[in-house]
């Protein structure tokens, strides 16, 4: 199997192209400052991951920015902290402030010359619009949790994506390389659908699973890179033979 075998790259955005962990940690700092204990970076992200996933299961049709506000209030209750609606809503509205990874823009601009580029993200459309501006590329399609009214790793999101790729672009499963950081949200369901996948392992140097839950068991993947820049380098090497 080669990277050049595929016609479309379907991307997770947050954690893969956008540095959501930096954004999450920054947005949670007011809450952390109020809490009467010291939590490590890994502990904060683990609490976020567990709380976010639980809320997504409970309210799958809630747009992501609103869901983040609820997550903020739930974490506050867990920590015994009182917060205002304004504070929770500020966190929910923080997605446009989450930075892109330093290699995302150049990688996407290169890959756009060789593939269709598609987003499959657990976000709402308005929030993604700001992230798309940061990424500086015209995606061929954007499929969000808001469109599907469910959150990855639900199979509904992947069913929706595959149906739309087939109907809108005449692309089949064999044409797709799903490209993502999260083993839980993306690679585990990609396995269930028989999709080839590329793991952008941006947490290789970290302990723990960051802002995502651990999957049950270790999903398989077809390619593994520690950055989008490494993905591009591998593609260029293939073209050179």
Protein backbone atom coordinates (compact mmCIF):
# COMPACT_ATOMS: atom_id res chain seq x y z
CA UNK A 1 0.00 0.00 0.00
CA UNK A 2 1.27 3.48 -0.94
CA UNK A 3 0.11 7.00 -0.14
CA UNK A 4 -0.26 7.60 -3.86
CA UNK A 5 -2.87 4.82 -4.12
CA UNK A 6 -5.60 7.13 -2.78
CA UNK A 7 -7.74 9.88 -4.30
CA UNK A 8 -9.07 11.59 -1.17
CA UNK A 9 -7.72 12.35 2.29
CA UNK A 10 -10.45 12.59 4.92
CA UNK A 11 -9.16 14.53 7.91
CA UNK A 12 -9.99 14.83 11.50
CA UNK A 13 -9.30 18.49 12.24
CA UNK A 14 -8.84 19.07 15.98
CA UNK A 15 -5.73 17.33 17.23
CA UNK A 16 -4.57 16.61 13.69
CA UNK A 17 -4.52 20.01 11.96
CA UNK A 18 -5.55 22.34 14.79
CA UNK A 19 -3.68 22.21 18.11
CA UNK A 20 -6.79 21.79 20.21
CA UNK A 21 -4.93 20.71 23.35
CA UNK A 22 -3.19 24.08 23.54
CA UNK A 23 -6.57 25.74 22.99
CA UNK A 24 -8.33 23.59 25.58
CA UNK A 25 -5.68 24.15 28.23
CA UNK A 26 -5.72 27.89 27.63
CA UNK A 27 -9.52 28.01 27.79
CA UNK A 28 -9.62 26.00 31.02
CA UNK A 29 -7.04 28.11 32.85
CA UNK A 30 -9.62 30.33 34.62
CA UNK A 31 -11.30 27.18 35.93
CA UNK A 32 -8.00 25.59 36.96
CA UNK A 33 -7.05 28.78 38.79
CA UNK A 34 -10.25 28.59 40.84
CA UNK A 35 -9.76 24.94 41.76
CA UNK A 36 -8.20 24.22 45.14
CA UNK A 37 -5.61 21.76 43.86
CA UNK A 38 -2.76 21.49 41.39
CA UNK A 39 -3.44 19.35 38.34
CA UNK A 40 -0.87 18.38 35.73
CA UNK A 41 -1.36 19.03 32.03
CA UNK A 42 -2.11 15.34 31.48
CA UNK A 43 -4.65 15.22 34.31
CA UNK A 44 -6.52 18.26 33.00
CA UNK A 45 -6.69 16.83 29.50
CA UNK A 46 -7.79 13.41 30.78
CA UNK A 47 -10.63 14.99 32.77
CA UNK A 48 -11.64 16.96 29.70
CA UNK A 49 -11.57 13.83 27.51
CA UNK A 50 -13.76 11.81 29.86
CA UNK A 51 -16.24 14.65 30.39
CA UNK A 52 -16.45 15.61 26.73
CA UNK A 53 -17.04 12.03 25.61
CA UNK A 54 -19.76 11.49 28.21
CA UNK A 55 -21.55 14.66 27.15
CA UNK A 56 -21.33 13.75 23.47
CA UNK A 57 -22.96 10.40 24.24
CA UNK A 58 -25.73 12.09 26.23
CA UNK A 59 -26.51 14.96 23.82
CA UNK A 60 -25.28 13.98 20.34
CA UNK A 61 -27.32 16.68 18.57
CA UNK A 62 -25.89 19.56 20.62
CA UNK A 63 -23.56 21.75 18.49
CA UNK A 64 -19.98 21.53 19.66
CA UNK A 65 -19.54 25.10 20.89
CA UNK A 66 -22.62 24.67 23.10
CA UNK A 67 -21.42 21.25 24.22
CA UNK A 68 -18.10 22.75 25.32
CA UNK A 69 -19.97 25.18 27.56
CA UNK A 70 -21.74 22.25 29.22
CA UNK A 71 -18.43 20.40 29.58
CA UNK A 72 -16.93 23.44 31.32
CA UNK A 73 -19.77 23.50 33.85
CA UNK A 74 -19.50 19.73 34.41
CA UNK A 75 -15.77 19.96 35.10
CA UNK A 76 -16.44 22.87 37.45
CA UNK A 77 -18.91 20.75 39.41
CA UNK A 78 -16.42 17.87 39.55
CA UNK A 79 -13.83 20.24 41.00
CA UNK A 80 -16.28 21.90 43.37
CA UNK A 81 -15.95 25.26 41.63
CA UNK A 82 -18.70 27.79 40.96
CA UNK A 83 -18.71 29.36 37.50
CA UNK A 84 -20.97 31.76 35.65
CA UNK A 85 -22.77 31.13 32.38
CA UNK A 86 -20.53 33.80 30.84
CA UNK A 87 -17.39 31.89 31.84
CA UNK A 88 -18.75 28.62 30.46
CA UNK A 89 -19.89 30.28 27.24
CA UNK A 90 -16.50 31.95 26.81
CA UNK A 91 -14.90 28.51 26.80
CA UNK A 92 -17.50 27.28 24.33
CA UNK A 93 -16.71 30.18 22.03
CA UNK A 94 -12.93 29.66 22.22
CA UNK A 95 -12.59 27.31 19.22
CA UNK A 96 -11.65 30.12 16.79
CA UNK A 97 -8.70 30.91 19.08
CA UNK A 98 -7.28 27.38 18.93
CA UNK A 99 -4.05 27.58 16.89
CA UNK A 100 -3.10 25.54 13.87
CA UNK A 101 -0.06 23.28 14.08
CA UNK A 102 2.98 24.91 12.51
CA UNK A 103 3.10 22.41 9.61
CA UNK A 104 -0.62 22.21 8.82
CA UNK A 105 -0.94 25.04 6.31
CA UNK A 106 2.03 24.13 4.14
CA UNK A 107 1.13 20.43 4.26
CA UNK A 108 -2.46 21.04 3.18
CA UNK A 109 -1.39 23.36 0.38
CA UNK A 110 0.93 20.66 -0.93
CA UNK A 111 -1.57 17.81 -0.55
CA UNK A 112 -4.31 19.82 -2.27
CA UNK A 113 -2.32 19.39 -5.50
CA UNK A 114 -2.55 15.60 -5.25
CA UNK A 115 -5.82 14.72 -3.46
CA UNK A 116 -9.30 15.84 -2.73
CA UNK A 117 -9.30 17.07 0.88
CA UNK A 118 -12.30 16.44 3.13
CA UNK A 119 -12.98 17.24 6.78
CA UNK A 120 -14.82 14.81 9.10
CA UNK A 121 -14.93 16.61 12.43
CA UNK A 122 -16.73 16.66 15.78
CA UNK A 123 -17.37 20.38 15.42
CA UNK A 124 -20.14 22.76 14.42
CA UNK A 125 -20.00 24.59 11.13
CA UNK A 126 -19.65 28.12 12.49
CA UNK A 127 -16.72 27.16 14.70
CA UNK A 128 -15.01 25.31 11.87
CA UNK A 129 -15.25 28.36 9.64
CA UNK A 130 -12.70 30.17 11.81
CA UNK A 131 -10.41 27.13 11.90
CA UNK A 132 -10.67 26.84 8.12
CA UNK A 133 -9.43 30.42 7.82
CA UNK A 134 -6.41 29.46 9.90
CA UNK A 135 -5.73 26.44 7.67
CA UNK A 136 -5.76 28.53 4.47
CA UNK A 137 -7.03 25.82 2.13
CA UNK A 138 -10.31 25.20 0.31
CA UNK A 139 -11.54 21.77 1.42
CA UNK A 140 -13.55 19.88 -1.16
CA UNK A 141 -16.13 18.97 1.48
CA UNK A 142 -16.71 19.52 5.19
CA UNK A 143 -18.79 17.03 7.19
CA UNK A 144 -19.43 17.95 10.80
CA UNK A 145 -21.06 16.42 13.85
CA UNK A 146 -23.69 19.13 13.50
CA UNK A 147 -24.61 17.79 10.04
CA UNK A 148 -24.94 14.21 11.28
CA UNK A 149 -26.27 15.00 14.77
CA UNK A 150 -23.83 12.57 16.29
CA UNK A 151 -20.21 12.58 17.36
CA UNK A 152 -17.35 10.33 16.36
CA UNK A 153 -16.66 7.51 17.09
CA UNK A 154 -20.32 6.86 16.24
CA UNK A 155 -20.61 4.84 13.03
CA UNK A 156 -23.22 7.34 11.83
CA UNK A 157 -20.51 9.91 11.08
CA UNK A 158 -18.52 7.51 8.92
CA UNK A 159 -21.65 6.21 7.18
CA UNK A 160 -22.58 9.80 6.36
CA UNK A 161 -19.11 10.61 5.06
CA UNK A 162 -18.89 7.52 2.84
CA UNK A 163 -22.37 8.12 1.44
CA UNK A 164 -21.60 11.74 0.62
CA UNK A 165 -18.25 10.87 -0.96
CA UNK A 166 -19.97 8.32 -3.16
CA UNK A 167 -22.93 10.53 -4.08
CA UNK A 168 -21.06 13.82 -4.53
CA UNK A 169 -17.70 12.68 -5.93
CA UNK A 170 -18.18 9.05 -7.09
CA UNK A 171 -15.48 8.04 -4.61
CA UNK A 172 -15.51 4.58 -3.07
CA UNK A 173 -14.06 3.26 0.18
CA UNK A 174 -10.86 2.12 -1.54
CA UNK A 175 -10.20 5.70 -2.66
CA UNK A 176 -10.15 7.03 0.92
CA UNK A 177 -7.25 7.44 3.33
CA UNK A 178 -8.57 8.59 6.70
CA UNK A 179 -5.94 10.81 8.29
CA UNK A 180 -6.18 11.55 12.00
CA UNK A 181 -4.51 11.76 15.39
CA UNK A 182 -7.21 10.24 17.60
CA UNK A 183 -7.17 6.48 17.91
CA UNK A 184 -10.46 6.62 19.81
CA UNK A 185 -12.47 8.98 17.59
CA UNK A 186 -11.05 8.02 14.20
CA UNK A 187 -8.86 4.96 13.82
CA UNK A 188 -11.05 2.56 15.80
CA UNK A 189 -14.17 3.35 13.71
CA UNK A 190 -12.07 3.46 10.52
CA UNK A 191 -11.07 -0.14 11.31
CA UNK A 192 -14.72 -1.14 11.66
CA UNK A 193 -15.50 0.34 8.26
CA UNK A 194 -12.48 -1.20 6.56
CA UNK A 195 -10.98 2.20 5.79
CA UNK A 196 -7.26 2.64 5.26
CA UNK A 197 -5.86 5.16 7.73
CA UNK A 198 -2.81 7.28 8.46
CA UNK A 199 -2.05 7.96 12.11
CA UNK A 200 -0.65 11.46 12.68
CA UNK A 201 0.90 10.61 16.03
CA UNK A 202 1.45 14.11 17.37
CA UNK A 203 1.51 12.78 20.95
CA UNK A 204 4.40 10.38 20.34
CA UNK A 205 6.62 12.24 22.81
CA UNK A 206 3.85 12.51 25.45
CA UNK A 207 2.60 10.11 28.08
CA UNK A 208 -1.13 9.43 28.15
CA UNK A 209 -3.68 9.99 25.40
CA UNK A 210 -4.14 13.74 25.79
CA UNK A 211 -7.59 15.17 25.21
CA UNK A 212 -9.05 11.91 23.84
CA UNK A 213 -10.17 8.74 25.56
CA UNK A 214 -8.20 5.55 25.07
CA UNK A 215 -9.87 3.08 22.69
CA UNK A 216 -10.64 -0.46 23.77
CA UNK A 217 -7.67 -2.26 22.32
CA UNK A 218 -5.16 -0.84 19.88
CA UNK A 219 -6.59 -0.01 16.46
CA UNK A 220 -4.59 -0.85 13.38
CA UNK A 221 -3.41 1.75 10.87
CA UNK A 222 -1.66 1.63 7.51
CA UNK A 223 0.73 4.58 7.92
CA UNK A 224 2.18 6.36 10.93
CA UNK A 225 3.77 9.81 10.97
CA UNK A 226 4.60 12.13 13.83
CA UNK A 227 3.53 15.22 11.89
CA UNK A 228 1.85 16.39 8.70
CA UNK A 229 5.27 17.50 7.49
CA UNK A 230 6.42 13.87 7.75
CA UNK A 231 3.35 12.76 5.78
CA UNK A 232 4.28 15.21 3.00
CA UNK A 233 7.88 14.02 3.04
CA UNK A 234 6.78 10.40 2.61
CA UNK A 235 4.48 11.37 -0.29
CA UNK A 236 7.29 13.27 -2.01
CA UNK A 237 9.59 10.29 -1.60
CA UNK A 238 7.02 8.03 -3.27
CA UNK A 239 6.74 10.40 -6.23
CA UNK A 240 10.50 10.30 -6.65
CA UNK A 241 10.32 6.52 -6.82
